């Protein structure tokens, strides 16, 4: 499992995301700050180990 750092496209806040699957291309994440839903793949800032 990898921990990724994501940035919300709406409010620009950063949050951690724990990837449980090898492919993150179709996974969606809901922002914990504003509630917006977005695709994980395009919003990865940097992988965290």
N, C-alpha and C. Protein backbone atom coordinates (compact mmCIF):
# COMPACT_ATOMS: atom_id res chain seq x y z
N UNK A 1 0.83 -1.18 0.00
CA UNK A 1 0.00 0.00 0.00
C UNK A 1 0.88 1.25 0.00
N UNK A 2 0.49 2.19 -0.78
CA UNK A 2 1.23 3.44 -0.88
C UNK A 2 0.38 4.59 -0.36
N UNK A 3 1.02 5.53 0.28
CA UNK A 3 0.34 6.73 0.75
C UNK A 3 0.71 7.86 -0.21
N UNK A 4 -0.31 8.48 -0.79
CA UNK A 4 -0.11 9.55 -1.76
C UNK A 4 -0.60 10.87 -1.18
N UNK A 5 -0.01 11.95 -1.63
CA UNK A 5 -0.45 13.28 -1.23
C UNK A 5 -1.23 13.87 -2.40
N UNK A 6 -2.50 14.22 -2.16
CA UNK A 6 -3.37 14.74 -3.20
C UNK A 6 -3.72 16.19 -2.92
N UNK A 7 -4.07 16.92 -3.98
CA UNK A 7 -4.54 18.30 -3.83
C UNK A 7 -5.91 18.42 -4.47
N UNK A 8 -6.86 18.96 -3.72
CA UNK A 8 -8.22 19.15 -4.21
C UNK A 8 -8.22 20.22 -5.30
N UNK A 9 -8.88 19.96 -6.44
CA UNK A 9 -8.92 20.95 -7.51
C UNK A 9 -9.80 22.16 -7.19
N UNK A 10 -10.73 22.01 -6.25
CA UNK A 10 -11.65 23.09 -5.92
C UNK A 10 -11.10 24.02 -4.84
N UNK A 11 -10.74 23.46 -3.69
CA UNK A 11 -10.31 24.30 -2.56
C UNK A 11 -8.79 24.34 -2.38
N UNK A 12 -8.05 23.54 -3.14
CA UNK A 12 -6.58 23.51 -3.14
C UNK A 12 -5.96 23.00 -1.84
N UNK A 13 -6.75 22.38 -0.96
CA UNK A 13 -6.20 21.80 0.25
C UNK A 13 -5.53 20.47 -0.07
N UNK A 14 -4.53 20.12 0.74
CA UNK A 14 -3.81 18.87 0.54
C UNK A 14 -4.26 17.85 1.56
N UNK A 15 -4.33 16.58 1.13
CA UNK A 15 -4.74 15.50 2.02
C UNK A 15 -4.03 14.21 1.62
N UNK A 16 -3.90 13.31 2.56
CA UNK A 16 -3.27 12.02 2.30
C UNK A 16 -4.31 11.04 1.79
N UNK A 17 -3.87 10.12 0.93
CA UNK A 17 -4.73 9.09 0.36
C UNK A 17 -3.97 7.78 0.37
N UNK A 18 -4.52 6.76 0.98
CA UNK A 18 -3.89 5.45 1.03
C UNK A 18 -4.43 4.60 -0.11
N UNK A 19 -3.56 4.29 -1.04
CA UNK A 19 -3.95 3.50 -2.20
C UNK A 19 -4.00 2.03 -1.83
N UNK A 20 -5.15 1.41 -1.98
CA UNK A 20 -5.30 -0.01 -1.67
C UNK A 20 -5.26 -0.86 -2.93
N UNK A 21 -5.27 -0.21 -4.08
CA UNK A 21 -5.22 -0.92 -5.35
C UNK A 21 -4.01 -0.43 -6.13
N UNK A 22 -3.49 -1.26 -7.01
CA UNK A 22 -2.32 -0.90 -7.81
C UNK A 22 -2.66 0.17 -8.84
N UNK A 23 -3.90 0.17 -9.32
CA UNK A 23 -4.29 1.13 -10.35
C UNK A 23 -5.12 2.24 -9.73
N UNK A 24 -4.63 3.46 -9.79
CA UNK A 24 -5.37 4.60 -9.23
C UNK A 24 -6.02 5.42 -10.34
N UNK A 25 -6.03 4.91 -11.55
CA UNK A 25 -6.55 5.68 -12.68
C UNK A 25 -8.06 5.90 -12.61
N UNK A 26 -8.80 4.95 -12.03
CA UNK A 26 -10.25 5.08 -12.00
C UNK A 26 -10.78 5.39 -10.60
N UNK A 27 -9.91 5.43 -9.61
CA UNK A 27 -10.36 5.69 -8.25
C UNK A 27 -10.76 7.15 -8.09
N UNK A 28 -11.80 7.38 -7.28
CA UNK A 28 -12.27 8.73 -7.00
C UNK A 28 -12.13 8.99 -5.51
N UNK A 29 -11.91 10.24 -5.16
CA UNK A 29 -11.73 10.64 -3.77
C UNK A 29 -12.62 11.83 -3.50
N UNK A 30 -13.22 11.86 -2.33
CA UNK A 30 -14.02 13.01 -1.91
C UNK A 30 -13.17 13.85 -0.97
N UNK A 31 -13.12 15.14 -1.21
CA UNK A 31 -12.34 16.06 -0.38
C UNK A 31 -12.93 16.11 1.03
N UNK A 32 -12.05 16.01 2.02
CA UNK A 32 -12.51 16.05 3.41
C UNK A 32 -12.81 17.47 3.87
N UNK A 33 -12.39 18.46 3.11
CA UNK A 33 -12.60 19.86 3.48
C UNK A 33 -13.85 20.47 2.84
N UNK A 34 -13.99 20.31 1.51
CA UNK A 34 -15.12 20.96 0.82
C UNK A 34 -16.15 19.98 0.26
N UNK A 35 -15.84 18.69 0.20
CA UNK A 35 -16.79 17.69 -0.26
C UNK A 35 -16.78 17.45 -1.76
N UNK A 36 -15.88 18.10 -2.49
CA UNK A 36 -15.80 17.89 -3.94
C UNK A 36 -15.25 16.49 -4.23
N UNK A 37 -15.71 15.89 -5.32
CA UNK A 37 -15.25 14.57 -5.71
C UNK A 37 -14.38 14.72 -6.96
N UNK A 38 -13.24 14.01 -6.99
CA UNK A 38 -12.32 14.13 -8.12
C UNK A 38 -11.58 12.82 -8.34
N UNK A 39 -11.00 12.67 -9.53
CA UNK A 39 -10.23 11.48 -9.88
C UNK A 39 -8.84 11.61 -9.26
N UNK A 40 -8.38 10.53 -8.65
CA UNK A 40 -7.11 10.54 -7.93
C UNK A 40 -5.92 10.75 -8.86
N UNK A 41 -5.94 10.14 -10.01
CA UNK A 41 -4.77 10.12 -10.89
C UNK A 41 -4.25 11.50 -11.27
N UNK A 42 -5.10 12.42 -11.56
CA UNK A 42 -4.66 13.75 -11.99
C UNK A 42 -4.27 14.69 -10.87
N UNK A 43 -4.46 14.29 -9.62
CA UNK A 43 -4.25 15.18 -8.47
C UNK A 43 -3.15 14.74 -7.53
N UNK A 44 -2.29 13.82 -7.94
CA UNK A 44 -1.20 13.35 -7.08
C UNK A 44 -0.08 14.39 -7.10
N UNK A 45 0.30 14.86 -5.92
CA UNK A 45 1.39 15.83 -5.81
C UNK A 45 2.72 15.08 -5.73
N UNK A 46 2.85 14.22 -4.74
CA UNK A 46 4.08 13.44 -4.57
C UNK A 46 3.78 12.19 -3.76
N UNK A 47 4.39 11.06 -4.10
CA UNK A 47 4.18 9.87 -3.28
C UNK A 47 4.86 10.01 -1.92
N UNK A 48 4.18 9.63 -0.87
CA UNK A 48 4.73 9.67 0.48
C UNK A 48 5.03 8.23 0.89
N UNK A 49 6.21 8.00 1.47
CA UNK A 49 6.56 6.64 1.92
C UNK A 49 6.70 6.58 3.39
